[in-house]
Amino acid sequence: MEPKSKHIYWHEGKVSKEEREKLLKQKGVLLWFTGLSGSGKSTIAREVEWRLHDMGKLAYVLDGDNIRHGLNSDLGFSPEDRKENIRRIGEVAKLFVDAGVITMTAFISPYKVDRERARKLLKDGEFIEIFVKCPIEVLIERDPKGLYKKALSGEIKEFTGISAPYEEPENPEILIETDKESLEESVEKVMNYLKEKGII
């Protein structure tokens, strides 16, 4: 998206991303957790964040609900607002990655085109899509926030997986199936990937 003003210029700093990564002894990357509500995105991301912190790594989770309390508090859940929600978080995450932080986003991010737009903001290998998959029947049974019950009764409109679409990733870097794996197994998948790719 082009800036509205034509009188602004990008300013390069004196410190490069590579120099920040050298200081932090890690690579700045974006772990993009996507999946239906209640699938376990935030839970897994928070556990990965804790594990990384415990190893002396700088990591931060940008959580969907939390971001909607501040930066995106002006957005609802229409297709247009969902698109803008993901556009903004992609731009914020790009800044975190440039700072050398292992950044995680936990958003439903239902549309492929929006996830691809976020991927294109980063260099090859910096965007790691993690599909947190779980059958809708299991999610309706879990329903930790009572949202599926409200969506099924018509109380919540445009609810992803019930009355709004979710486009599954076709080739995610990591696939997690929370109806088949424990939290520990899911976290290990992510940690092993980060080690294999030399990110940590």
N, C-alpha and C. Protein backbone atom coordinates (compact mmCIF):
# COMPACT_ATOMS: atom_id res chain seq x y z
N MET A 1 0.84 -1.18 0.00
CA MET A 1 0.00 0.00 0.00
C MET A 1 0.88 1.25 0.00
N GLU A 2 0.63 2.14 -0.93
CA GLU A 2 1.40 3.38 -1.03
C GLU A 2 0.95 4.38 0.03
N PRO A 3 1.91 5.14 0.62
CA PRO A 3 1.52 6.18 1.58
C PRO A 3 0.68 7.25 0.90
N LYS A 4 -0.26 7.85 1.64
CA LYS A 4 -1.09 8.92 1.07
C LYS A 4 -0.24 10.14 0.75
N SER A 5 0.70 10.45 1.63
CA SER A 5 1.56 11.62 1.40
C SER A 5 2.71 11.26 0.46
N LYS A 6 3.01 12.16 -0.45
CA LYS A 6 4.12 11.95 -1.39
C LYS A 6 5.40 12.62 -0.88
N HIS A 7 5.35 13.23 0.28
CA HIS A 7 6.48 14.01 0.78
C HIS A 7 7.15 13.35 1.99
N ILE A 8 7.18 12.03 1.98
CA ILE A 8 7.87 11.30 3.04
C ILE A 8 8.93 10.41 2.42
N TYR A 9 9.99 10.17 3.16
CA TYR A 9 11.14 9.42 2.62
C TYR A 9 11.59 8.38 3.64
N TRP A 10 12.05 7.23 3.12
CA TRP A 10 12.55 6.16 3.99
C TRP A 10 13.95 6.53 4.47
N HIS A 11 14.21 6.41 5.77
CA HIS A 11 15.51 6.73 6.34
C HIS A 11 16.21 5.45 6.80
N GLU A 12 17.37 5.21 6.26
CA GLU A 12 18.16 4.04 6.67
C GLU A 12 18.90 4.36 7.96
N GLY A 13 18.96 3.38 8.87
CA GLY A 13 19.71 3.56 10.11
C GLY A 13 21.17 3.17 9.93
N LYS A 14 21.98 3.38 10.94
CA LYS A 14 23.41 3.02 10.87
C LYS A 14 23.63 1.57 11.29
N VAL A 15 22.62 0.99 11.96
CA VAL A 15 22.75 -0.40 12.44
C VAL A 15 21.89 -1.30 11.55
N SER A 16 22.51 -2.35 11.01
CA SER A 16 21.78 -3.26 10.11
C SER A 16 21.07 -4.36 10.89
N LYS A 17 20.13 -5.02 10.23
CA LYS A 17 19.45 -6.17 10.84
C LYS A 17 20.48 -7.23 11.23
N GLU A 18 21.44 -7.46 10.35
CA GLU A 18 22.48 -8.47 10.61
C GLU A 18 23.27 -8.14 11.87
N GLU A 19 23.55 -6.85 12.09
CA GLU A 19 24.28 -6.45 13.29
C GLU A 19 23.44 -6.64 14.55
N ARG A 20 22.14 -6.39 14.43
CA ARG A 20 21.25 -6.63 15.58
C ARG A 20 21.16 -8.13 15.87
N GLU A 21 21.09 -8.94 14.82
CA GLU A 21 21.03 -10.40 15.00
C GLU A 21 22.31 -10.93 15.64
N LYS A 22 23.44 -10.34 15.26
CA LYS A 22 24.73 -10.75 15.83
C LYS A 22 24.75 -10.43 17.34
N LEU A 23 24.25 -9.27 17.68
CA LEU A 23 24.18 -8.86 19.08
C LEU A 23 23.28 -9.80 19.89
N LEU A 24 22.14 -10.18 19.30
CA LEU A 24 21.16 -11.03 19.99
C LEU A 24 21.46 -12.52 19.89
N LYS A 25 22.38 -12.89 18.98
CA LYS A 25 22.73 -14.30 18.74
C LYS A 25 21.50 -15.12 18.32
N GLN A 26 20.76 -14.57 17.38
CA GLN A 26 19.57 -15.22 16.84
C GLN A 26 19.21 -14.54 15.53
N LYS A 27 18.28 -15.13 14.80
CA LYS A 27 17.80 -14.53 13.56
C LYS A 27 16.41 -13.94 13.80
N GLY A 28 16.18 -12.77 13.24
CA GLY A 28 14.86 -12.16 13.32
C GLY A 28 13.96 -12.82 12.29
N VAL A 29 12.91 -13.50 12.75
CA VAL A 29 11.97 -14.18 11.85
C VAL A 29 10.55 -13.97 12.36
N LEU A 30 9.60 -14.31 11.51
CA LEU A 30 8.19 -14.22 11.88
C LEU A 30 7.55 -15.60 11.82
N LEU A 31 7.06 -16.06 12.97
CA LEU A 31 6.31 -17.31 13.04
C LEU A 31 4.84 -16.93 12.98
N TRP A 32 4.21 -17.22 11.84
CA TRP A 32 2.82 -16.80 11.62
C TRP A 32 1.88 -17.96 11.90
N PHE A 33 1.32 -17.98 13.13
CA PHE A 33 0.37 -19.02 13.52
C PHE A 33 -1.01 -18.67 12.95
N THR A 34 -1.59 -19.59 12.19
CA THR A 34 -2.92 -19.39 11.63
C THR A 34 -3.77 -20.63 11.91
N GLY A 35 -5.06 -20.41 12.11
CA GLY A 35 -5.96 -21.52 12.38
C GLY A 35 -7.25 -20.97 12.97
N LEU A 36 -8.24 -21.82 13.07
CA LEU A 36 -9.54 -21.40 13.59
C LEU A 36 -9.48 -21.02 15.06
N SER A 37 -10.48 -20.28 15.51
CA SER A 37 -10.58 -19.89 16.91
C SER A 37 -10.60 -21.13 17.79
N GLY A 38 -9.78 -21.12 18.84
CA GLY A 38 -9.75 -22.25 19.78
C GLY A 38 -8.84 -23.39 19.36
N SER A 39 -8.15 -23.24 18.22
CA SER A 39 -7.29 -24.34 17.74
C SER A 39 -6.01 -24.48 18.56
N GLY A 40 -5.61 -23.41 19.25
CA GLY A 40 -4.41 -23.49 20.10
C GLY A 40 -3.29 -22.55 19.69
N LYS A 41 -3.56 -21.63 18.77
CA LYS A 41 -2.52 -20.72 18.26
C LYS A 41 -1.81 -19.95 19.37
N SER A 42 -2.60 -19.26 20.18
CA SER A 42 -2.02 -18.42 21.24
C SER A 42 -1.32 -19.26 22.30
N THR A 43 -1.93 -20.37 22.66
CA THR A 43 -1.35 -21.25 23.68
C THR A 43 0.03 -21.75 23.24
N ILE A 44 0.12 -22.21 22.01
CA ILE A 44 1.40 -22.73 21.50
C ILE A 44 2.41 -21.59 21.36
N ALA A 45 1.98 -20.46 20.81
CA ALA A 45 2.88 -19.32 20.63
C ALA A 45 3.45 -18.86 21.97
N ARG A 46 2.60 -18.78 22.99
CA ARG A 46 3.06 -18.35 24.32
C ARG A 46 4.06 -19.33 24.91
N GLU A 47 3.83 -20.62 24.68
CA GLU A 47 4.75 -21.63 25.20
C GLU A 47 6.09 -21.57 24.46
N VAL A 48 6.04 -21.36 23.15
CA VAL A 48 7.28 -21.22 22.37
C VAL A 48 8.03 -19.98 22.86
N GLU A 49 7.29 -18.88 23.08
CA GLU A 49 7.91 -17.64 23.58
C GLU A 49 8.64 -17.91 24.89
N TRP A 50 7.97 -18.65 25.79
CA TRP A 50 8.58 -18.94 27.09
C TRP A 50 9.84 -19.80 26.94
N ARG A 51 9.75 -20.80 26.07
CA ARG A 51 10.90 -21.69 25.85
C ARG A 51 12.09 -20.90 25.29
N LEU A 52 11.81 -20.01 24.36
CA LEU A 52 12.88 -19.19 23.77
C LEU A 52 13.47 -18.25 24.81
N HIS A 53 12.62 -17.64 25.60
CA HIS A 53 13.09 -16.74 26.67
C HIS A 53 14.00 -17.50 27.63
N ASP A 54 13.59 -18.71 27.97
CA ASP A 54 14.35 -19.56 28.88
C ASP A 54 15.74 -19.89 28.32
N MET A 55 15.86 -19.88 26.98
CA MET A 55 17.14 -20.13 26.31
C MET A 55 17.97 -18.85 26.15
N GLY A 56 17.41 -17.73 26.61
CA GLY A 56 18.12 -16.46 26.47
C GLY A 56 17.88 -15.79 25.13
N LYS A 57 16.78 -16.14 24.46
CA LYS A 57 16.44 -15.55 23.16
C LYS A 57 15.34 -14.51 23.33
N LEU A 58 15.40 -13.49 22.48
CA LEU A 58 14.39 -12.43 22.53
C LEU A 58 13.25 -12.78 21.58
N ALA A 59 12.06 -13.00 22.16
CA ALA A 59 10.89 -13.39 21.37
C ALA A 59 9.68 -12.61 21.88
N TYR A 60 8.70 -12.41 20.99
CA TYR A 60 7.51 -11.66 21.38
C TYR A 60 6.30 -12.14 20.58
N VAL A 61 5.16 -12.29 21.28
CA VAL A 61 3.92 -12.72 20.63
C VAL A 61 3.00 -11.52 20.40
N LEU A 62 2.61 -11.34 19.15
CA LEU A 62 1.57 -10.36 18.80
C LEU A 62 0.28 -11.17 18.70
N ASP A 63 -0.57 -11.07 19.71
CA ASP A 63 -1.77 -11.90 19.80
C ASP A 63 -2.98 -11.17 19.22
N GLY A 64 -3.81 -11.90 18.49
CA GLY A 64 -4.96 -11.32 17.81
C GLY A 64 -5.88 -10.52 18.71
N ASP A 65 -6.29 -11.11 19.84
CA ASP A 65 -7.19 -10.41 20.75
C ASP A 65 -6.52 -9.17 21.34
N ASN A 66 -5.26 -9.31 21.73
CA ASN A 66 -4.54 -8.19 22.35
C ASN A 66 -4.39 -7.02 21.39
N ILE A 67 -4.05 -7.31 20.15
CA ILE A 67 -3.87 -6.25 19.14
C ILE A 67 -5.19 -5.52 18.90
N ARG A 68 -6.30 -6.24 18.97
CA ARG A 68 -7.61 -5.61 18.76
C ARG A 68 -8.03 -4.73 19.94
N HIS A 69 -7.31 -4.80 21.06
CA HIS A 69 -7.57 -3.89 22.18
C HIS A 69 -6.92 -2.53 21.97
N GLY A 70 -5.91 -2.45 21.12
CA GLY A 70 -5.19 -1.19 20.94
C GLY A 70 -5.06 -0.79 19.48
N LEU A 71 -3.98 -1.24 18.86
CA LEU A 71 -3.66 -0.85 17.48
C LEU A 71 -4.84 -1.01 16.54
N ASN A 72 -5.58 -2.11 16.66
CA ASN A 72 -6.69 -2.38 15.74
C ASN A 72 -8.06 -2.32 16.41
N SER A 73 -8.17 -1.50 17.45
CA SER A 73 -9.45 -1.40 18.17
C SER A 73 -10.55 -0.77 17.32
N ASP A 74 -10.17 -0.12 16.22
CA ASP A 74 -11.16 0.50 15.33
C ASP A 74 -11.70 -0.46 14.29
N LEU A 75 -11.24 -1.72 14.30
CA LEU A 75 -11.65 -2.68 13.27
C LEU A 75 -12.62 -3.72 13.81
N GLY A 76 -13.58 -4.09 12.96
CA GLY A 76 -14.51 -5.16 13.29
C GLY A 76 -14.11 -6.45 12.59
N PHE A 77 -15.11 -7.24 12.17
CA PHE A 77 -14.83 -8.54 11.58
C PHE A 77 -15.40 -8.70 10.17
N SER A 78 -15.69 -7.58 9.52
CA SER A 78 -16.11 -7.65 8.12
C SER A 78 -14.91 -8.11 7.29
N PRO A 79 -15.11 -8.63 6.09
CA PRO A 79 -13.96 -9.02 5.25
C PRO A 79 -12.95 -7.89 5.07
N GLU A 80 -13.45 -6.65 4.91
CA GLU A 80 -12.55 -5.50 4.71
C GLU A 80 -11.73 -5.22 5.98
N ASP A 81 -12.39 -5.30 7.14
CA ASP A 81 -11.68 -5.05 8.39
C ASP A 81 -10.69 -6.18 8.71
N ARG A 82 -11.05 -7.41 8.37
CA ARG A 82 -10.12 -8.53 8.58
C ARG A 82 -8.85 -8.32 7.73
N LYS A 83 -9.07 -7.88 6.51
CA LYS A 83 -7.95 -7.62 5.59
C LYS A 83 -7.02 -6.53 6.17
N GLU A 84 -7.62 -5.44 6.65
CA GLU A 84 -6.84 -4.34 7.22
C GLU A 84 -6.15 -4.77 8.52
N ASN A 85 -6.83 -5.59 9.32
CA ASN A 85 -6.25 -6.13 10.55
C ASN A 85 -4.94 -6.86 10.24
N ILE A 86 -4.98 -7.72 9.25
CA ILE A 86 -3.79 -8.51 8.89
C ILE A 86 -2.73 -7.65 8.20
N ARG A 87 -3.17 -6.67 7.41
CA ARG A 87 -2.20 -5.77 6.76
C ARG A 87 -1.38 -5.03 7.82
N ARG A 88 -2.08 -4.48 8.81
CA ARG A 88 -1.38 -3.73 9.86
C ARG A 88 -0.43 -4.62 10.65
N ILE A 89 -0.91 -5.81 11.02
CA ILE A 89 -0.06 -6.67 11.84
C ILE A 89 1.15 -7.15 11.04
N GLY A 90 0.97 -7.34 9.73
CA GLY A 90 2.11 -7.70 8.89
C GLY A 90 3.17 -6.63 8.90
N GLU A 91 2.75 -5.38 8.84
CA GLU A 91 3.70 -4.25 8.86
C GLU A 91 4.39 -4.13 10.22
N VAL A 92 3.63 -4.31 11.30
CA VAL A 92 4.22 -4.24 12.64
C VAL A 92 5.22 -5.39 12.83
N ALA A 93 4.81 -6.59 12.41
CA ALA A 93 5.69 -7.76 12.55
C ALA A 93 6.98 -7.57 11.76
N LYS A 94 6.90 -6.95 10.60
CA LYS A 94 8.09 -6.68 9.78
C LYS A 94 9.09 -5.82 10.57
N LEU A 95 8.61 -4.84 11.32
CA LEU A 95 9.49 -3.98 12.12
C LEU A 95 10.15 -4.79 13.23
N PHE A 96 9.39 -5.66 13.88
CA PHE A 96 9.94 -6.52 14.94
C PHE A 96 11.03 -7.43 14.38
N VAL A 97 10.77 -8.02 13.21
CA VAL A 97 11.74 -8.92 12.57
C VAL A 97 13.01 -8.14 12.22
N ASP A 98 12.85 -6.92 11.73
CA ASP A 98 14.00 -6.09 11.40
C ASP A 98 14.82 -5.77 12.65
N ALA A 99 14.15 -5.72 13.80
CA ALA A 99 14.84 -5.47 15.06
C ALA A 99 15.58 -6.71 15.56
N GLY A 100 15.40 -7.86 14.86
CA GLY A 100 16.09 -9.08 15.23
C GLY A 100 15.31 -9.97 16.18
N VAL A 101 14.06 -9.62 16.43
CA VAL A 101 13.22 -10.37 17.37
C VAL A 101 12.60 -11.59 16.69
N ILE A 102 12.56 -12.70 17.40
CA ILE A 102 11.79 -13.86 16.93
C ILE A 102 10.34 -13.52 17.26
N THR A 103 9.60 -13.16 16.23
CA THR A 103 8.26 -12.60 16.39
C THR A 103 7.22 -13.66 16.06
N MET A 104 6.16 -13.70 16.85
CA MET A 104 5.07 -14.65 16.60
C MET A 104 3.76 -13.89 16.51
N THR A 105 2.93 -14.25 15.53
CA THR A 105 1.59 -13.70 15.46
C THR A 105 0.61 -14.85 15.64
N ALA A 106 -0.42 -14.61 16.43
CA ALA A 106 -1.45 -15.62 16.65
C ALA A 106 -2.79 -14.99 16.24
N PHE A 107 -3.09 -15.08 14.95
CA PHE A 107 -4.30 -14.52 14.36
C PHE A 107 -4.98 -15.61 13.54
N ILE A 108 -6.29 -15.59 13.48
CA ILE A 108 -6.98 -16.54 12.61
C ILE A 108 -6.48 -16.35 11.19
N SER A 109 -6.37 -15.09 10.75
CA SER A 109 -5.94 -14.72 9.38
C SER A 109 -6.53 -15.69 8.35
N PRO A 110 -7.84 -15.59 8.11
CA PRO A 110 -8.55 -16.61 7.32
C PRO A 110 -8.28 -16.62 5.82
N TYR A 111 -7.75 -15.52 5.28
CA TYR A 111 -7.63 -15.44 3.81
C TYR A 111 -6.19 -15.64 3.34
N LYS A 112 -6.03 -16.54 2.37
CA LYS A 112 -4.70 -16.84 1.82
C LYS A 112 -4.01 -15.60 1.29
N VAL A 113 -4.76 -14.77 0.57
CA VAL A 113 -4.16 -13.59 -0.07
C VAL A 113 -3.56 -12.64 0.97
N ASP A 114 -4.18 -12.54 2.13
CA ASP A 114 -3.67 -11.66 3.19
C ASP A 114 -2.41 -12.24 3.82
N ARG A 115 -2.39 -13.56 4.01
CA ARG A 115 -1.19 -14.19 4.56
C ARG A 115 -0.03 -14.08 3.57
N GLU A 116 -0.34 -14.21 2.29
CA GLU A 116 0.72 -14.09 1.26
C GLU A 116 1.25 -12.66 1.20
N ARG A 117 0.38 -11.68 1.40
CA ARG A 117 0.82 -10.28 1.42
C ARG A 117 1.81 -10.07 2.57
N ALA A 118 1.51 -10.66 3.73
CA ALA A 118 2.42 -10.55 4.88
C ALA A 118 3.75 -11.25 4.57
N ARG A 119 3.69 -12.40 3.91
CA ARG A 119 4.92 -13.12 3.55
C ARG A 119 5.81 -12.27 2.63
N LYS A 120 5.18 -11.58 1.71
CA LYS A 120 5.94 -10.79 0.72
C LYS A 120 6.64 -9.58 1.33
N LEU A 121 6.26 -9.21 2.55
CA LEU A 121 6.92 -8.09 3.23
C LEU A 121 8.32 -8.48 3.71
N LEU A 122 8.56 -9.79 3.81
CA LEU A 122 9.81 -10.29 4.38
C LEU A 122 10.65 -11.02 3.33
N LYS A 123 11.91 -11.24 3.69
CA LYS A 123 12.82 -11.97 2.80
C LYS A 123 12.55 -13.47 2.89
N ASP A 124 13.06 -14.22 1.92
CA ASP A 124 12.92 -15.68 1.93
C ASP A 124 13.44 -16.25 3.25
N GLY A 125 12.67 -17.14 3.83
CA GLY A 125 13.09 -17.79 5.07
C GLY A 125 12.71 -17.04 6.34
N GLU A 126 12.25 -15.79 6.21
CA GLU A 126 11.91 -15.00 7.39
C GLU A 126 10.45 -15.17 7.81
N PHE A 127 9.59 -15.64 6.90
CA PHE A 127 8.17 -15.85 7.18
C PHE A 127 7.93 -17.35 7.30
N ILE A 128 7.53 -17.79 8.47
CA ILE A 128 7.31 -19.21 8.74
C ILE A 128 5.83 -19.40 9.08
N GLU A 129 5.09 -19.95 8.11
CA GLU A 129 3.66 -20.15 8.32
C GLU A 129 3.43 -21.44 9.10
N ILE A 130 2.69 -21.32 10.20
CA ILE A 130 2.39 -22.48 11.05
C ILE A 130 0.87 -22.66 11.08
N PHE A 131 0.41 -23.72 10.44
CA PHE A 131 -1.02 -24.01 10.39
C PHE A 131 -1.40 -24.86 11.60
N VAL A 132 -2.17 -24.25 12.50
CA VAL A 132 -2.64 -24.96 13.69
C VAL A 132 -4.03 -25.51 13.34
N LYS A 133 -4.04 -26.78 12.98
CA LYS A 133 -5.23 -27.42 12.42
C LYS A 133 -5.98 -28.21 13.50
N CYS A 134 -7.30 -28.11 13.44
CA CYS A 134 -8.14 -28.87 14.37
C CYS A 134 -9.53 -28.97 13.76
N PRO A 135 -10.15 -30.15 13.74
CA PRO A 135 -11.48 -30.29 13.16
C PRO A 135 -12.51 -29.41 13.86
N ILE A 136 -13.44 -28.87 13.08
CA ILE A 136 -14.46 -27.97 13.61
C ILE A 136 -15.28 -28.64 14.71
N GLU A 137 -15.54 -29.95 14.59
CA GLU A 137 -16.33 -30.66 15.62
C GLU A 137 -15.61 -30.61 16.97
N VAL A 138 -14.29 -30.75 16.95
CA VAL A 138 -13.50 -30.70 18.18
C VAL A 138 -13.52 -29.29 18.76
N LEU A 139 -13.42 -28.30 17.88
CA LEU A 139 -13.42 -26.91 18.33
C LEU A 139 -14.75 -26.53 18.96
N ILE A 140 -15.84 -27.01 18.37
CA ILE A 140 -17.18 -26.73 18.92
C ILE A 140 -17.30 -27.37 20.31
N GLU A 141 -16.70 -28.53 20.47
CA GLU A 141 -16.73 -29.23 21.76
C GLU A 141 -15.86 -28.50 22.79
N ARG A 142 -14.67 -28.05 22.35
CA ARG A 142 -13.75 -27.33 23.26
C ARG A 142 -14.35 -25.99 23.67
N ASP A 143 -14.58 -25.15 22.69
CA ASP A 143 -15.20 -23.82 22.82
C ASP A 143 -14.81 -23.09 24.10
N PRO A 144 -13.49 -22.82 24.32
CA PRO A 144 -13.04 -22.23 25.58
C PRO A 144 -13.64 -20.85 25.89
N LYS A 145 -13.98 -20.09 24.86
CA LYS A 145 -14.54 -18.74 25.09
C LYS A 145 -16.06 -18.70 24.88
N GLY A 146 -16.66 -19.86 24.56
CA GLY A 146 -18.10 -19.89 24.33
C GLY A 146 -18.52 -19.22 23.02
N LEU A 147 -17.55 -19.02 22.13
CA LEU A 147 -17.83 -18.29 20.87
C LEU A 147 -18.57 -19.14 19.85
N TYR A 148 -18.23 -20.42 19.77
CA TYR A 148 -18.89 -21.29 18.80
C TYR A 148 -20.38 -21.42 19.12
N LYS A 149 -20.69 -21.54 20.41
CA LYS A 149 -22.08 -21.64 20.84
C LYS A 149 -22.85 -20.40 20.38
N LYS A 150 -22.23 -19.23 20.57
CA LYS A 150 -22.88 -17.96 20.19
C LYS A 150 -23.00 -17.86 18.67
N ALA A 151 -21.96 -18.32 17.96
CA ALA A 151 -21.99 -18.26 16.49
C ALA A 151 -23.06 -19.20 15.93
N LEU A 152 -23.16 -20.40 16.50
CA LEU A 152 -24.15 -21.37 16.03
C LEU A 152 -25.58 -20.92 16.30
N SER A 153 -25.77 -20.12 17.36
CA SER A 153 -27.11 -19.62 17.68
C SER A 153 -27.43 -18.34 16.90
N GLY A 154 -26.43 -17.83 16.17
CA GLY A 154 -26.64 -16.61 15.38
C GLY A 154 -26.35 -15.33 16.14
N GLU A 155 -25.89 -15.48 17.39
CA GLU A 155 -25.59 -14.30 18.21
C GLU A 155 -24.36 -13.56 17.70
N ILE A 156 -23.36 -14.32 17.19
CA ILE A 156 -22.17 -13.70 16.58
C ILE A 156 -22.25 -13.91 15.07
N LYS A 157 -22.22 -12.82 14.35
CA LYS A 157 -22.24 -12.87 12.87
C LYS A 157 -20.80 -12.93 12.35
N GLU A 158 -20.62 -13.42 11.14
CA GLU A 158 -19.31 -13.45 10.45
C GLU A 158 -18.25 -14.13 11.32
N PHE A 159 -18.59 -15.31 11.87
CA PHE A 159 -17.65 -16.05 12.70
C PHE A 159 -16.94 -17.09 11.85
N THR A 160 -15.62 -17.01 11.82
CA THR A 160 -14.82 -17.89 10.97
C THR A 160 -15.04 -19.36 11.30
N GLY A 161 -15.30 -20.14 10.25
CA GLY A 161 -15.52 -21.57 10.41
C GLY A 161 -16.99 -21.93 10.53
N ILE A 162 -17.82 -20.94 10.89
CA ILE A 162 -19.26 -21.17 11.01
C ILE A 162 -20.01 -20.36 9.94
N SER A 163 -19.90 -19.03 10.02
CA SER A 163 -20.63 -18.18 9.06
C SER A 163 -19.70 -17.31 8.22
N ALA A 164 -18.40 -17.53 8.34
CA ALA A 164 -17.40 -16.84 7.51
C ALA A 164 -16.33 -17.86 7.14
N PRO A 165 -15.73 -17.72 5.96
CA PRO A 165 -14.80 -18.75 5.48
C PRO A 165 -13.43 -18.73 6.15
N TYR A 166 -12.79 -19.89 6.13
CA TYR A 166 -11.37 -20.01 6.50
C TYR A 166 -10.69 -20.77 5.38
N GLU A 167 -9.69 -20.15 4.78
CA GLU A 167 -8.94 -20.77 3.68
C GLU A 167 -7.68 -21.39 4.25
N GLU A 168 -7.64 -22.72 4.27
CA GLU A 168 -6.50 -23.43 4.87
C GLU A 168 -5.22 -23.20 4.07
N PRO A 169 -4.08 -23.07 4.76
CA PRO A 169 -2.80 -22.99 4.06
C PRO A 169 -2.55 -24.28 3.28
N GLU A 170 -2.00 -24.15 2.07
CA GLU A 170 -1.72 -25.33 1.24
C GLU A 170 -0.34 -25.90 1.50
N ASN A 171 0.63 -25.02 1.76
CA ASN A 171 2.01 -25.48 1.98
C ASN A 171 2.65 -24.76 3.16
N PRO A 172 2.11 -24.94 4.36
CA PRO A 172 2.72 -24.27 5.51
C PRO A 172 4.09 -24.85 5.81
N GLU A 173 4.96 -24.04 6.37
CA GLU A 173 6.28 -24.54 6.78
C GLU A 173 6.12 -25.58 7.89
N ILE A 174 5.15 -25.37 8.77
CA ILE A 174 4.91 -26.30 9.88
C ILE A 174 3.40 -26.58 9.99
N LEU A 175 3.05 -27.85 10.12
CA LEU A 175 1.66 -28.25 10.34
C LEU A 175 1.55 -28.83 11.75
N ILE A 176 0.65 -28.26 12.54
CA ILE A 176 0.39 -28.74 13.89
C ILE A 176 -1.06 -29.18 13.95
N GLU A 177 -1.31 -30.38 14.47
CA GLU A 177 -2.68 -30.90 14.58
C GLU A 177 -3.00 -31.09 16.06
N THR A 178 -3.69 -30.12 16.63
CA THR A 178 -3.87 -30.11 18.09
C THR A 178 -4.87 -31.13 18.60
N ASP A 179 -5.62 -31.76 17.71
CA ASP A 179 -6.49 -32.85 18.16
C ASP A 179 -5.72 -34.16 18.28
N LYS A 180 -4.49 -34.18 17.72
CA LYS A 180 -3.69 -35.41 17.72
C LYS A 180 -2.39 -35.28 18.52
N GLU A 181 -1.95 -34.04 18.77
CA GLU A 181 -0.67 -33.81 19.43
C GLU A 181 -0.88 -33.12 20.77
N SER A 182 0.02 -33.40 21.70
CA SER A 182 0.01 -32.68 22.98
C SER A 182 0.62 -31.31 22.77
N LEU A 183 0.44 -30.43 23.73
CA LEU A 183 1.06 -29.10 23.67
C LEU A 183 2.56 -29.23 23.55
N GLU A 184 3.13 -30.13 24.32
CA GLU A 184 4.59 -30.34 24.30
C GLU A 184 5.07 -30.77 22.92
N GLU A 185 4.34 -31.69 22.30
CA GLU A 185 4.71 -32.16 20.96
C GLU A 185 4.63 -31.02 19.94
N SER A 186 3.60 -30.20 20.05
CA SER A 186 3.42 -29.07 19.13
C SER A 186 4.57 -28.07 19.28
N VAL A 187 4.91 -27.77 20.52
CA VAL A 187 5.99 -26.82 20.80
C VAL A 187 7.33 -27.37 20.28
N GLU A 188 7.55 -28.67 20.49
CA GLU A 188 8.79 -29.30 20.02
C GLU A 188 8.93 -29.20 18.50
N LYS A 189 7.82 -29.33 17.78
CA LYS A 189 7.85 -29.20 16.32
C LYS A 189 8.40 -27.84 15.92
N VAL A 190 7.93 -26.81 16.60
CA VAL A 190 8.36 -25.44 16.29
C VAL A 190 9.82 -25.25 16.69
N MET A 191 10.18 -25.68 17.87
CA MET A 191 11.56 -25.52 18.35
C MET A 191 12.55 -26.26 17.46
N ASN A 192 12.19 -27.47 17.06
CA ASN A 192 13.07 -28.26 16.18
C ASN A 192 13.26 -27.58 14.84
N TYR A 193 12.20 -26.98 14.30
CA TYR A 193 12.29 -26.26 13.03
C TYR A 193 13.26 -25.08 13.17
N LEU A 194 13.14 -24.34 14.25
CA LEU A 194 14.01 -23.17 14.47
C LEU A 194 15.49 -23.59 14.58
N LYS A 195 15.72 -24.73 15.21
CA LYS A 195 17.09 -25.24 15.34
C LYS A 195 17.62 -25.72 14.00
N GLU A 196 16.79 -26.48 13.27
CA GLU A 196 17.21 -27.01 11.96
C GLU A 196 17.55 -25.90 10.98
N LYS A 197 16.83 -24.80 11.05
CA LYS A 197 17.04 -23.68 10.11
C LYS A 197 18.10 -22.70 10.61
N GLY A 198 18.71 -22.98 11.75
CA GLY A 198 19.77 -22.12 12.26
C GLY A 198 19.29 -20.77 12.77
N ILE A 199 18.00 -20.70 13.13
CA ILE A 199 17.44 -19.45 13.64
C ILE A 199 17.84 -19.24 15.10
N ILE A 200 17.94 -20.36 15.82
CA ILE A 200 18.43 -20.31 17.21
C ILE A 200 19.56 -21.31 17.36
